[in-house]
Structure formats: structure tokens, C-alpha cells
């Protein structure tokens, strides 16, 4: 799998506008088996805090936002996923994407990415 691009963005709150409606989106375009596909992973922003609290990944300390990593990690864990859009509202499922995660190893696997 070759990552062509990865972006991350904050999703604007819905019309309800409650603080709990805060989501992040990670978008990765990859070339795999001769095909180009784009995958979107949307997740509850709070999960970024949970990652840091559990010592799994702290985006503030590492300098690379979670929303620049999640879609690529999803594709690594689920290379045969058929759907292009994925939503995580369960913290355990989202944290599983980061199981065994190391930013330096990630950068070695994907030297083509500029994550800053």
C-alpha cells in the first residue's frame, strides 16, 4: 500500500451545536493492488484525549495530529474494507487502530508522507 495523501480536519458542529457534537475526520488516498481509493474515518474528538490519557499516543507531545494518522491506520488494519467511509463512536474500536502504534515506525512504513 502506497499512501498518496492524508489530511485531517475538524468537522463543524451540526445544527444542534452541542459540545458533544465534536468530531474529527481523517482522509487518506492510497494506491493498493493497482487501484486508487480514498477512505474517510470520522471519530469523536474525545478519543484523542483518551489515547493520551491511556499513554497510547499523545498528539500534543508527538506533534502529529491523530486526524493525520487514523485513516492510514484503519487501512493497515483493514486492507480489504469495501466501504470508503467509516465512523467510530466506540472508543475501544477506535483505540484498537492504535494498538502497538509507534510514530517512528509509522514514518518508516510511510516515508512519502509529510505529517507536520
PDB file of N, CA and C in Angstrom:
ATOM      1  N   UNK A   1       0.845  -1.179   0.000  1.00  0.00           N
ATOM      2  CA  UNK A   1       0.000   0.000   0.000  1.00  0.00           C
ATOM      3  C   UNK A   1       0.886   1.236   0.000  1.00  0.00           C
ATOM      4  N   UNK A   2       0.642   2.108  -0.953  1.00  0.00           N
ATOM      5  CA  UNK A   2       1.367   3.365  -1.019  1.00  0.00           C
ATOM      6  C   UNK A   2       0.385   4.493  -0.712  1.00  0.00           C
ATOM      7  N   UNK A   3       0.716   5.306   0.281  1.00  0.00           N
ATOM      8  CA  UNK A   3      -0.151   6.413   0.659  1.00  0.00           C
ATOM      9  C   UNK A   3       0.164   7.598  -0.252  1.00  0.00           C
ATOM     10  N   UNK A   4      -0.856   8.064  -0.966  1.00  0.00           N
ATOM     11  CA  UNK A   4      -0.683   9.197  -1.868  1.00  0.00           C
ATOM     12  C   UNK A   4      -0.892  10.518  -1.151  1.00  0.00           C
ATOM     13  N   UNK A   5      -1.868  10.558  -0.255  1.00  0.00           N
ATOM     14  CA  UNK A   5      -2.103  11.777   0.525  1.00  0.00           C
ATOM     15  C   UNK A   5      -2.888  11.443   1.781  1.00  0.00           C
ATOM     16  N   UNK A   6      -2.733  12.291   2.778  1.00  0.00           N
ATOM     17  CA  UNK A   6      -3.505  12.163   4.009  1.00  0.00           C
ATOM     18  C   UNK A   6      -3.776  13.568   4.533  1.00  0.00           C
ATOM     19  N   UNK A   7      -5.015  13.786   4.928  1.00  0.00           N
ATOM     20  CA  UNK A   7      -5.396  15.061   5.510  1.00  0.00           C
ATOM     21  C   UNK A   7      -6.276  14.806   6.721  1.00  0.00           C
ATOM     22  N   UNK A   8      -6.380  15.819   7.546  1.00  0.00           N
ATOM     23  CA  UNK A   8      -7.241  15.741   8.707  1.00  0.00           C
ATOM     24  C   UNK A   8      -7.975  17.053   8.860  1.00  0.00           C
ATOM     25  N   UNK A   9      -9.186  16.960   9.411  1.00  0.00           N
ATOM     26  CA  UNK A   9      -9.974  18.177   9.595  1.00  0.00           C
ATOM     27  C   UNK A   9     -10.941  18.013  10.750  1.00  0.00           C
ATOM     28  N   UNK A  10     -11.308  19.142  11.331  1.00  0.00           N
ATOM     29  CA  UNK A  10     -12.355  19.160  12.345  1.00  0.00           C
ATOM     30  C   UNK A  10     -13.683  19.289  11.619  1.00  0.00           C
ATOM     31  N   UNK A  11     -14.648  18.502  12.044  1.00  0.00           N
ATOM     32  CA  UNK A  11     -15.966  18.543  11.432  1.00  0.00           C
ATOM     33  C   UNK A  11     -16.775  19.628  12.148  1.00  0.00           C
ATOM     34  N   UNK A  12     -17.348  20.572  11.397  1.00  0.00           N
ATOM     35  CA  UNK A  12     -18.149  21.617  12.048  1.00  0.00           C
ATOM     36  C   UNK A  12     -19.329  21.005  12.805  1.00  0.00           C
ATOM     37  N   UNK A  13     -19.693  21.577  13.957  1.00  0.00           N
ATOM     38  CA  UNK A  13     -20.823  21.040  14.718  1.00  0.00           C
ATOM     39  C   UNK A  13     -22.104  21.096  13.900  1.00  0.00           C
ATOM     40  N   UNK A  14     -22.988  20.156  14.176  1.00  0.00           N
ATOM     41  CA  UNK A  14     -24.284  20.138  13.497  1.00  0.00           C
ATOM     42  C   UNK A  14     -25.160  21.283  13.966  1.00  0.00           C
ATOM     43  N   UNK A  15     -26.339  21.359  13.458  1.00  0.00           N
ATOM     44  CA  UNK A  15     -27.241  22.452  13.811  1.00  0.00           C
ATOM     45  C   UNK A  15     -27.612  22.438  15.286  1.00  0.00           C
ATOM     46  N   UNK A  16     -27.531  21.261  15.914  1.00  0.00           N
ATOM     47  CA  UNK A  16     -27.806  21.184  17.349  1.00  0.00           C
ATOM     48  C   UNK A  16     -26.767  21.960  18.137  1.00  0.00           C
ATOM     49  N   UNK A  17     -25.518  21.933  17.652  1.00  0.00           N
ATOM     50  CA  UNK A  17     -24.458  22.739  18.222  1.00  0.00           C
ATOM     51  C   UNK A  17     -24.008  22.365  19.619  1.00  0.00           C
ATOM     52  N   UNK A  18     -24.320  21.172  20.087  1.00  0.00           N
ATOM     53  CA  UNK A  18     -23.883  20.810  21.430  1.00  0.00           C
ATOM     54  C   UNK A  18     -22.394  20.460  21.410  1.00  0.00           C
ATOM     55  N   UNK A  19     -21.704  20.683  22.542  1.00  0.00           N
ATOM     56  CA  UNK A  19     -20.272  20.363  22.599  1.00  0.00           C
ATOM     57  C   UNK A  19     -19.980  18.892  22.326  1.00  0.00           C
ATOM     58  N   UNK A  20     -20.970  18.026  22.566  1.00  0.00           N
ATOM     59  CA  UNK A  20     -20.743  16.603  22.314  1.00  0.00           C
ATOM     60  C   UNK A  20     -20.723  16.287  20.828  1.00  0.00           C
ATOM     61  N   UNK A  21     -21.122  17.245  20.001  1.00  0.00           N
ATOM     62  CA  UNK A  21     -21.111  17.041  18.553  1.00  0.00           C
ATOM     63  C   UNK A  21     -19.771  17.446  17.943  1.00  0.00           C
ATOM     64  N   UNK A  22     -18.692  17.078  18.589  1.00  0.00           N
ATOM     65  CA  UNK A  22     -17.378  17.456  18.088  1.00  0.00           C
ATOM     66  C   UNK A  22     -16.684  16.224  17.530  1.00  0.00           C
ATOM     67  N   UNK A  23     -16.414  16.283  16.241  1.00  0.00           N
ATOM     68  CA  UNK A  23     -15.837  15.145  15.544  1.00  0.00           C
ATOM     69  C   UNK A  23     -14.617  15.571  14.743  1.00  0.00           C
ATOM     70  N   UNK A  24     -13.774  14.613  14.466  1.00  0.00           N
ATOM     71  CA  UNK A  24     -12.608  14.804  13.616  1.00  0.00           C
ATOM     72  C   UNK A  24     -12.746  13.856  12.438  1.00  0.00           C
ATOM     73  N   UNK A  25     -12.116  14.223  11.338  1.00  0.00           N
ATOM     74  CA  UNK A  25     -12.146  13.388  10.137  1.00  0.00           C
ATOM     75  C   UNK A  25     -10.724  13.215   9.625  1.00  0.00           C
ATOM     76  N   UNK A  26     -10.397  11.994   9.292  1.00  0.00           N
ATOM     77  CA  UNK A  26      -9.107  11.647   8.713  1.00  0.00           C
ATOM     78  C   UNK A  26      -9.383  11.078   7.325  1.00  0.00           C
ATOM     79  N   UNK A  27      -8.667  11.609   6.326  1.00  0.00           N
ATOM     80  CA  UNK A  27      -8.910  11.202   4.941  1.00  0.00           C
ATOM     81  C   UNK A  27      -7.586  10.763   4.321  1.00  0.00           C
ATOM     82  N   UNK A  28      -7.545   9.553   3.817  1.00  0.00           N
ATOM     83  CA  UNK A  28      -6.330   9.036   3.176  1.00  0.00           C
ATOM     84  C   UNK A  28      -6.658   8.528   1.782  1.00  0.00           C
ATOM     85  N   UNK A  29      -5.779   8.849   0.847  1.00  0.00           N
ATOM     86  CA  UNK A  29      -5.872   8.309  -0.507  1.00  0.00           C
ATOM     87  C   UNK A  29      -4.663   7.413  -0.698  1.00  0.00           C
ATOM     88  N   UNK A  30      -4.923   6.182  -1.088  1.00  0.00           N
ATOM     89  CA  UNK A  30      -3.848   5.198  -1.225  1.00  0.00           C
ATOM     90  C   UNK A  30      -3.933   4.496  -2.570  1.00  0.00           C
ATOM     91  N   UNK A  31      -2.803   3.932  -2.946  1.00  0.00           N
ATOM     92  CA  UNK A  31      -2.757   3.084  -4.123  1.00  0.00           C
ATOM     93  C   UNK A  31      -2.464   1.681  -3.610  1.00  0.00           C
ATOM     94  N   UNK A  32      -3.359   0.772  -3.958  1.00  0.00           N
ATOM     95  CA  UNK A  32      -3.264  -0.592  -3.450  1.00  0.00           C
ATOM     96  C   UNK A  32      -3.709  -1.556  -4.539  1.00  0.00           C
ATOM     97  N   UNK A  33      -2.886  -2.525  -4.838  1.00  0.00           N
ATOM     98  CA  UNK A  33      -3.205  -3.516  -5.872  1.00  0.00           C
ATOM     99  C   UNK A  33      -3.586  -2.857  -7.193  1.00  0.00           C
ATOM    100  N   UNK A  34      -2.884  -1.796  -7.547  1.00  0.00           N
ATOM    101  CA  UNK A  34      -3.133  -1.120  -8.809  1.00  0.00           C
ATOM    102  C   UNK A  34      -4.341  -0.205  -8.829  1.00  0.00           C
ATOM    103  N   UNK A  35      -5.035  -0.090  -7.705  1.00  0.00           N
ATOM    104  CA  UNK A  35      -6.214   0.762  -7.618  1.00  0.00           C
ATOM    105  C   UNK A  35      -5.959   1.922  -6.671  1.00  0.00           C
ATOM    106  N   UNK A  36      -6.584   3.051  -6.960  1.00  0.00           N
ATOM    107  CA  UNK A  36      -6.520   4.201  -6.065  1.00  0.00           C
ATOM    108  C   UNK A  36      -7.844   4.296  -5.341  1.00  0.00           C
ATOM    109  N   UNK A  37      -7.780   4.428  -4.006  1.00  0.00           N
ATOM    110  CA  UNK A  37      -9.012   4.576  -3.249  1.00  0.00           C
ATOM    111  C   UNK A  37      -8.807   5.579  -2.125  1.00  0.00           C
ATOM    112  N   UNK A  38      -9.897   6.229  -1.779  1.00  0.00           N
ATOM    113  CA  UNK A  38      -9.892   7.206  -0.693  1.00  0.00           C
ATOM    114  C   UNK A  38     -10.791   6.695   0.422  1.00  0.00           C
ATOM    115  N   UNK A  39     -10.278   6.757   1.649  1.00  0.00           N
ATOM    116  CA  UNK A  39     -11.009   6.299   2.813  1.00  0.00           C
ATOM    117  C   UNK A  39     -11.115   7.448   3.805  1.00  0.00           C
ATOM    118  N   UNK A  40     -12.307   7.590   4.371  1.00  0.00           N
ATOM    119  CA  UNK A  40     -12.563   8.616   5.378  1.00  0.00           C
ATOM    120  C   UNK A  40     -12.908   7.940   6.699  1.00  0.00           C
ATOM    121  N   UNK A  41     -12.231   8.373   7.760  1.00  0.00           N
ATOM    122  CA  UNK A  41     -12.521   7.882   9.102  1.00  0.00           C
ATOM    123  C   UNK A  41     -12.962   9.083   9.936  1.00  0.00           C
ATOM    124  N   UNK A  42     -14.194   9.034  10.422  1.00  0.00           N
ATOM    125  CA  UNK A  42     -14.728  10.089  11.281  1.00  0.00           C
ATOM    126  C   UNK A  42     -14.862   9.503  12.687  1.00  0.00           C
ATOM    127  N   UNK A  43     -14.443  10.281  13.681  1.00  0.00           N
ATOM    128  CA  UNK A  43     -14.463   9.779  15.048  1.00  0.00           C
ATOM    129  C   UNK A  43     -14.740  10.923  16.022  1.00  0.00           C
ATOM    130  N   UNK A  44     -15.149  10.560  17.213  1.00  0.00           N
ATOM    131  CA  UNK A  44     -15.423  11.525  18.270  1.00  0.00           C
ATOM    132  C   UNK A  44     -14.092  12.125  18.732  1.00  0.00           C
ATOM    133  N   UNK A  45     -13.997  13.441  18.748  1.00  0.00           N
ATOM    134  CA  UNK A  45     -12.757  14.136  19.104  1.00  0.00           C
ATOM    135  C   UNK A  45     -12.227  13.722  20.478  1.00  0.00           C
ATOM    136  N   UNK A  46     -13.105  13.398  21.378  1.00  0.00           N
ATOM    137  CA  UNK A  46     -12.731  12.981  22.726  1.00  0.00           C
ATOM    138  C   UNK A  46     -11.761  11.800  22.710  1.00  0.00           C
ATOM    139  N   UNK A  47     -11.828  10.963  21.685  1.00  0.00           N
ATOM    140  CA  UNK A  47     -10.949   9.790  21.609  1.00  0.00           C
ATOM    141  C   UNK A  47      -9.479  10.193  21.577  1.00  0.00           C
ATOM    142  N   UNK A  48      -9.175  11.378  21.057  1.00  0.00           N
ATOM    143  CA  UNK A  48      -7.786  11.857  21.047  1.00  0.00           C
ATOM    144  C   UNK A  48      -7.289  12.015  22.479  1.00  0.00           C
ATOM    145  N   UNK A  49      -8.158  12.503  23.356  1.00  0.00           N
ATOM    146  CA  UNK A  49      -7.817  12.672  24.775  1.00  0.00           C
ATOM    147  C   UNK A  49      -7.630  11.307  25.444  1.00  0.00           C
ATOM    148  N   UNK A  50      -8.493  10.367  25.094  1.00  0.00           N
ATOM    149  CA  UNK A  50      -8.400   9.011  25.658  1.00  0.00           C
ATOM    150  C   UNK A  50      -7.074   8.362  25.258  1.00  0.00           C
ATOM    151  N   UNK A  51      -6.674   8.523  24.001  1.00  0.00           N
ATOM    152  CA  UNK A  51      -5.380   7.983  23.555  1.00  0.00           C
ATOM    153  C   UNK A  51      -4.243   8.516  24.424  1.00  0.00           C
ATOM    154  N   UNK A  52      -4.260   9.819  24.701  1.00  0.00           N
ATOM    155  CA  UNK A  52      -3.212  10.437  25.510  1.00  0.00           C
ATOM    156  C   UNK A  52      -3.287   9.972  26.960  1.00  0.00           C
ATOM    157  N   UNK A  53      -4.486   9.948  27.519  1.00  0.00           N
ATOM    158  CA  UNK A  53      -4.659   9.539  28.920  1.00  0.00           C
ATOM    159  C   UNK A  53      -4.205   8.105  29.158  1.00  0.00           C
ATOM    160  N   UNK A  54      -4.400   7.253  28.174  1.00  0.00           N
ATOM    161  CA  UNK A  54      -4.004   5.846  28.331  1.00  0.00           C
ATOM    162  C   UNK A  54      -2.557   5.596  27.925  1.00  0.00           C
ATOM    163  N   UNK A  55      -1.842   6.652  27.549  1.00  0.00           N
ATOM    164  CA  UNK A  55      -0.433   6.515  27.197  1.00  0.00           C
ATOM    165  C   UNK A  55      -0.198   5.843  25.861  1.00  0.00           C
ATOM    166  N   UNK A  56      -1.211   5.805  25.007  1.00  0.00           N
ATOM    167  CA  UNK A  56      -1.089   5.148  23.711  1.00  0.00           C
ATOM    168  C   UNK A  56      -0.462   6.083  22.690  1.00  0.00           C
ATOM    169  N   UNK A  57      -0.992   7.304  22.599  1.00  0.00           N
ATOM    170  CA  UNK A  57      -0.458   8.301  21.670  1.00  0.00           C
ATOM    171  C   UNK A  57      -0.918   9.678  22.113  1.00  0.00           C
ATOM    172  N   UNK A  58       0.036  10.598  22.275  1.00  0.00           N
ATOM    173  CA  UNK A  58      -0.261  11.965  22.683  1.00  0.00           C
ATOM    174  C   UNK A  58       0.100  12.902  21.539  1.00  0.00           C
ATOM    175  N   UNK A  59      -0.921  13.391  20.845  1.00  0.00           N
ATOM    176  CA  UNK A  59      -0.663  14.227  19.672  1.00  0.00           C
ATOM    177  C   UNK A  59       0.018  15.540  20.048  1.00  0.00           C
ATOM    178  N   UNK A  60      -0.208  16.035  21.247  1.00  0.00           N
ATOM    179  CA  UNK A  60       0.441  17.281  21.672  1.00  0.00           C
ATOM    180  C   UNK A  60       1.944  17.057  21.835  1.00  0.00           C
ATOM    181  N   UNK A  61       2.323  15.960  22.444  1.00  0.00           N
ATOM    182  CA  UNK A  61       3.743  15.661  22.671  1.00  0.00           C
ATOM    183  C   UNK A  61       4.451  15.236  21.388  1.00  0.00           C
ATOM    184  N   UNK A  62       3.749  14.487  20.524  1.00  0.00           N
ATOM    185  CA  UNK A  62       4.369  13.952  19.307  1.00  0.00           C
ATOM    186  C   UNK A  62       4.369  14.944  18.147  1.00  0.00           C
ATOM    187  N   UNK A  63       3.434  15.886  18.167  1.00  0.00           N
ATOM    188  CA  UNK A  63       3.400  16.908  17.128  1.00  0.00           C
ATOM    189  C   UNK A  63       2.687  16.527  15.843  1.00  0.00           C
ATOM    190  N   UNK A  64       2.099  15.339  15.802  1.00  0.00           N
ATOM    191  CA  UNK A  64       1.344  14.910  14.619  1.00  0.00           C
ATOM    192  C   UNK A  64      -0.087  14.634  15.065  1.00  0.00           C
ATOM    193  N   UNK A  65      -1.055  15.364  14.503  1.00  0.00           N
ATOM    194  CA  UNK A  65      -2.446  15.161  14.920  1.00  0.00           C
ATOM    195  C   UNK A  65      -2.961  13.754  14.613  1.00  0.00           C
ATOM    196  N   UNK A  66      -3.813  13.274  15.486  1.00  0.00           N
ATOM    197  CA  UNK A  66      -4.444  11.964  15.310  1.00  0.00           C
ATOM    198  C   UNK A  66      -5.180  11.911  13.978  1.00  0.00           C
ATOM    199  N   UNK A  67      -5.792  13.031  13.579  1.00  0.00           N
ATOM    200  CA  UNK A  67      -6.563  13.017  12.336  1.00  0.00           C
ATOM    201  C   UNK A  67      -5.689  12.922  11.085  1.00  0.00           C
ATOM    202  N   UNK A  68      -4.373  12.958  11.250  1.00  0.00           N
ATOM    203  CA  UNK A  68      -3.465  12.719  10.126  1.00  0.00           C
ATOM    204  C   UNK A  68      -2.992  11.261  10.094  1.00  0.00           C
ATOM    205  N   UNK A  69      -3.426  10.477  11.085  1.00  0.00           N
ATOM    206  CA  UNK A  69      -2.977   9.087  11.210  1.00  0.00           C
ATOM    207  C   UNK A  69      -4.101   8.059  11.075  1.00  0.00           C
ATOM    208  N   UNK A  70      -5.278   8.399  11.569  1.00  0.00           N
ATOM    209  CA  UNK A  70      -6.349   7.409  11.751  1.00  0.00           C
ATOM    210  C   UNK A  70      -6.749   6.673  10.475  1.00  0.00           C
ATOM    211  N   UNK A  71      -6.905   7.384   9.365  1.00  0.00           N
ATOM    212  CA  UNK A  71      -7.349   6.711   8.130  1.00  0.00           C
ATOM    213  C   UNK A  71      -6.302   5.731   7.614  1.00  0.00           C
ATOM    214  N   UNK A  72      -5.029   6.098   7.710  1.00  0.00           N
ATOM    215  CA  UNK A  72      -3.966   5.194   7.263  1.00  0.00           C
ATOM    216  C   UNK A  72      -3.911   3.969   8.175  1.00  0.00           C
ATOM    217  N   UNK A  73      -4.024   4.191   9.490  1.00  0.00           N
ATOM    218  CA  UNK A  73      -4.023   3.063  10.419  1.00  0.00           C
ATOM    219  C   UNK A  73      -5.217   2.153  10.172  1.00  0.00           C
ATOM    220  N   UNK A  74      -6.374   2.751   9.852  1.00  0.00           N
ATOM    221  CA  UNK A  74      -7.549   1.938   9.528  1.00  0.00           C
ATOM    222  C   UNK A  74      -7.254   1.037   8.334  1.00  0.00           C
ATOM    223  N   UNK A  75      -6.660   1.611   7.295  1.00  0.00           N
ATOM    224  CA  UNK A  75      -6.352   0.818   6.089  1.00  0.00           C
ATOM    225  C   UNK A  75      -5.320  -0.266   6.368  1.00  0.00           C
ATOM    226  N   UNK A  76      -4.375   0.015   7.247  1.00  0.00           N
ATOM    227  CA  UNK A  76      -3.390  -1.016   7.600  1.00  0.00           C
ATOM    228  C   UNK A  76      -4.059  -2.176   8.331  1.00  0.00           C
ATOM    229  N   UNK A  77      -5.000  -1.873   9.209  1.00  0.00           N
ATOM    230  CA  UNK A  77      -5.681  -2.913   9.988  1.00  0.00           C
ATOM    231  C   UNK A  77      -6.785  -3.608   9.193  1.00  0.00           C
ATOM    232  N   UNK A  78      -7.371  -2.879   8.219  1.00  0.00           N
ATOM    233  CA  UNK A  78      -8.492  -3.413   7.437  1.00  0.00           C
ATOM    234  C   UNK A  78      -8.246  -3.189   5.944  1.00  0.00           C
ATOM    235  N   UNK A  79      -7.230  -3.838   5.380  1.00  0.00           N
ATOM    236  CA  UNK A  79      -6.876  -3.577   3.979  1.00  0.00           C
ATOM    237  C   UNK A  79      -7.971  -3.969   2.976  1.00  0.00           C
ATOM    238  N   UNK A  80      -8.867  -4.844   3.369  1.00  0.00           N
ATOM    239  CA  UNK A  80      -9.910  -5.295   2.444  1.00  0.00           C
ATOM    240  C   UNK A  80     -11.256  -4.611   2.662  1.00  0.00           C
ATOM    241  N   UNK A  81     -11.272  -3.530   3.421  1.00  0.00           N
ATOM    242  CA  UNK A  81     -12.530  -2.825   3.676  1.00  0.00           C
ATOM    243  C   UNK A  81     -13.136  -2.354   2.353  1.00  0.00           C
ATOM    244  N   UNK A  82     -14.404  -2.619   2.179  1.00  0.00           N
ATOM    245  CA  UNK A  82     -15.081  -2.270   0.924  1.00  0.00           C
ATOM    246  C   UNK A  82     -15.638  -0.846   0.945  1.00  0.00           C
ATOM    247  N   UNK A  83     -16.136  -0.428   2.105  1.00  0.00           N
ATOM    248  CA  UNK A  83     -16.726   0.905   2.230  1.00  0.00           C
ATOM    249  C   UNK A  83     -15.636   1.972   2.255  1.00  0.00           C
ATOM    250  N   UNK A  84     -15.966   3.157   1.794  1.00  0.00           N
ATOM    251  CA  UNK A  84     -14.973   4.232   1.785  1.00  0.00           C
ATOM    252  C   UNK A  84     -15.119   5.170   2.985  1.00  0.00           C
ATOM    253  N   UNK A  85     -16.256   5.119   3.672  1.00  0.00           N
ATOM    254  CA  UNK A  85     -16.453   5.988   4.840  1.00  0.00           C
ATOM    255  C   UNK A  85     -16.693   5.148   6.083  1.00  0.00           C
ATOM    256  N   UNK A  86     -15.987   5.515   7.155  1.00  0.00           N
ATOM    257  CA  UNK A  86     -16.082   4.762   8.399  1.00  0.00           C
ATOM    258  C   UNK A  86     -16.256   5.725   9.561  1.00  0.00           C
ATOM    259  N   UNK A  87     -17.112   5.346  10.502  1.00  0.00           N
ATOM    260  CA  UNK A  87     -17.442   6.190  11.638  1.00  0.00           C
ATOM    261  C   UNK A  87     -17.179   5.415  12.926  1.00  0.00           C
ATOM    262  N   UNK A  88     -16.471   6.049  13.851  1.00  0.00           N
ATOM    263  CA  UNK A  88     -16.179   5.415  15.133  1.00  0.00           C
ATOM    264  C   UNK A  88     -16.833   6.212  16.251  1.00  0.00           C
ATOM    265  N   UNK A  89     -17.771   5.572  16.951  1.00  0.00           N
ATOM    266  CA  UNK A  89     -18.341   6.184  18.145  1.00  0.00           C
ATOM    267  C   UNK A  89     -18.087   5.305  19.359  1.00  0.00           C
ATOM    268  N   UNK A  90     -17.317   4.250  19.158  1.00  0.00           N
ATOM    269  CA  UNK A  90     -16.940   3.329  20.229  1.00  0.00           C
ATOM    270  C   UNK A  90     -15.437   3.482  20.465  1.00  0.00           C
ATOM    271  N   UNK A  91     -15.071   3.917  21.656  1.00  0.00           N
ATOM    272  CA  UNK A  91     -13.655   4.193  21.918  1.00  0.00           C
ATOM    273  C   UNK A  91     -12.784   2.940  21.804  1.00  0.00           C
ATOM    274  N   UNK A  92     -13.279   1.789  22.219  1.00  0.00           N
ATOM    275  CA  UNK A  92     -12.479   0.562  22.154  1.00  0.00           C
ATOM    276  C   UNK A  92     -12.109   0.226  20.708  1.00  0.00           C
ATOM    277  N   UNK A  93     -13.063   0.363  19.810  1.00  0.00           N
ATOM    278  CA  UNK A  93     -12.795   0.080  18.390  1.00  0.00           C
ATOM    279  C   UNK A  93     -11.795   1.080  17.823  1.00  0.00           C
ATOM    280  N   UNK A  94     -11.925   2.338  18.208  1.00  0.00           N
ATOM    281  CA  UNK A  94     -11.001   3.359  17.719  1.00  0.00           C
ATOM    282  C   UNK A  94      -9.599   3.143  18.294  1.00  0.00           C
ATOM    283  N   UNK A  95      -9.508   2.875  19.588  1.00  0.00           N
ATOM    284  CA  UNK A  95      -8.207   2.653  20.219  1.00  0.00           C
ATOM    285  C   UNK A  95      -7.504   1.438  19.622  1.00  0.00           C
ATOM    286  N   UNK A  96      -8.268   0.471  19.149  1.00  0.00           N
ATOM    287  CA  UNK A  96      -7.678  -0.723  18.524  1.00  0.00           C
ATOM    288  C   UNK A  96      -6.866  -0.355  17.279  1.00  0.00           C
ATOM    289  N   UNK A  97      -7.233   0.737  16.607  1.00  0.00           N
ATOM    290  CA  UNK A  97      -6.454   1.176  15.443  1.00  0.00           C
ATOM    291  C   UNK A  97      -5.019   1.522  15.845  1.00  0.00           C
ATOM    292  N   UNK A  98      -4.839   1.974  17.078  1.00  0.00           N
ATOM    293  CA  UNK A  98      -3.537   2.431  17.562  1.00  0.00           C
ATOM    294  C   UNK A  98      -2.790   1.362  18.368  1.00  0.00           C
ATOM    295  N   UNK A  99      -3.312   0.156  18.379  1.00  0.00           N
ATOM    296  CA  UNK A  99      -2.670  -0.936  19.115  1.00  0.00           C
ATOM    297  C   UNK A  99      -1.258  -1.156  18.580  1.00  0.00           C
ATOM    298  N   UNK A 100      -0.267  -1.088  19.461  1.00  0.00           N
ATOM    299  CA  UNK A 100       1.126  -1.275  19.064  1.00  0.00           C
ATOM    300  C   UNK A 100       1.687  -0.124  18.242  1.00  0.00           C
ATOM    301  N   UNK A 101       1.038   1.035  18.285  1.00  0.00           N
ATOM    302  CA  UNK A 101       1.445   2.166  17.438  1.00  0.00           C
ATOM    303  C   UNK A 101       2.731   2.814  17.915  1.00  0.00           C
ATOM    304  N   UNK A 102       3.577   3.146  16.955  1.00  0.00           N
ATOM    305  CA  UNK A 102       4.796   3.915  17.182  1.00  0.00           C
ATOM    306  C   UNK A 102       4.908   4.904  16.027  1.00  0.00           C
ATOM    307  N   UNK A 103       5.021   6.189  16.344  1.00  0.00           N
ATOM    308  CA  UNK A 103       5.106   7.194  15.296  1.00  0.00           C
ATOM    309  C   UNK A 103       6.350   6.985  14.437  1.00  0.00           C
ATOM    310  N   UNK A 104       7.466   6.637  15.052  1.00  0.00           N
ATOM    311  CA  UNK A 104       8.692   6.439  14.262  1.00  0.00           C
ATOM    312  C   UNK A 104       8.551   5.251  13.316  1.00  0.00           C
ATOM    313  N   UNK A 105       7.914   4.180  13.760  1.00  0.00           N
ATOM    314  CA  UNK A 105       7.685   3.028  12.877  1.00  0.00           C
ATOM    315  C   UNK A 105       6.710   3.384  11.760  1.00  0.00           C
ATOM    316  N   UNK A 106       5.694   4.163  12.086  1.00  0.00           N
ATOM    317  CA  UNK A 106       4.724   4.611  11.092  1.00  0.00           C
ATOM    318  C   UNK A 106       5.443   5.415  10.005  1.00  0.00           C
ATOM    319  N   UNK A 107       6.320   6.312  10.420  1.00  0.00           N
ATOM    320  CA  UNK A 107       7.055   7.136   9.454  1.00  0.00           C
ATOM    321  C   UNK A 107       8.017   6.299   8.607  1.00  0.00           C
ATOM    322  N   UNK A 108       8.544   5.234   9.171  1.00  0.00           N
ATOM    323  CA  UNK A 108       9.409   4.330   8.389  1.00  0.00           C
ATOM    324  C   UNK A 108       8.585   3.586   7.337  1.00  0.00           C
ATOM    325  N   UNK A 109       7.364   3.184   7.701  1.00  0.00           N
ATOM    326  CA  UNK A 109       6.493   2.473   6.741  1.00  0.00           C
ATOM    327  C   UNK A 109       5.981   3.407   5.647  1.00  0.00           C
ATOM    328  N   UNK A 110       5.868   4.693   5.959  1.00  0.00           N
ATOM    329  CA  UNK A 110       5.296   5.664   5.022  1.00  0.00           C
ATOM    330  C   UNK A 110       6.200   6.896   4.878  1.00  0.00           C
ATOM    331  N   UNK A 111       7.408   6.696   4.362  1.00  0.00           N
ATOM    332  CA  UNK A 111       8.339   7.829   4.246  1.00  0.00           C
ATOM    333  C   UNK A 111       7.860   8.907   3.268  1.00  0.00           C
ATOM    334  N   UNK A 112       6.894   8.565   2.420  1.00  0.00           N
ATOM    335  CA  UNK A 112       6.385   9.509   1.444  1.00  0.00           C
ATOM    336  C   UNK A 112       5.481  10.579   2.072  1.00  0.00           C
ATOM    337  N   UNK A 113       5.069  10.350   3.331  1.00  0.00           N
ATOM    338  CA  UNK A 113       4.155  11.280   3.981  1.00  0.00           C
ATOM    339  C   UNK A 113       4.884  12.391   4.720  1.00  0.00           C
ATOM    340  N   UNK A 114       4.373  13.588   4.563  1.00  0.00           N
ATOM    341  CA  UNK A 114       4.807  14.726   5.378  1.00  0.00           C
ATOM    342  C   UNK A 114       3.695  14.955   6.367  1.00  0.00           C
ATOM    343  N   UNK A 115       3.927  14.623   7.631  1.00  0.00           N
ATOM    344  CA  UNK A 115       2.851  14.633   8.618  1.00  0.00           C
ATOM    345  C   UNK A 115       2.770  15.925   9.436  1.00  0.00           C
ATOM    346  N   UNK A 116       3.697  16.791   9.275  1.00  0.00           N
ATOM    347  CA  UNK A 116       3.703  18.012  10.105  1.00  0.00           C
ATOM    348  C   UNK A 116       2.565  18.940   9.762  1.00  0.00           C
TER     349      UNK A 116
END
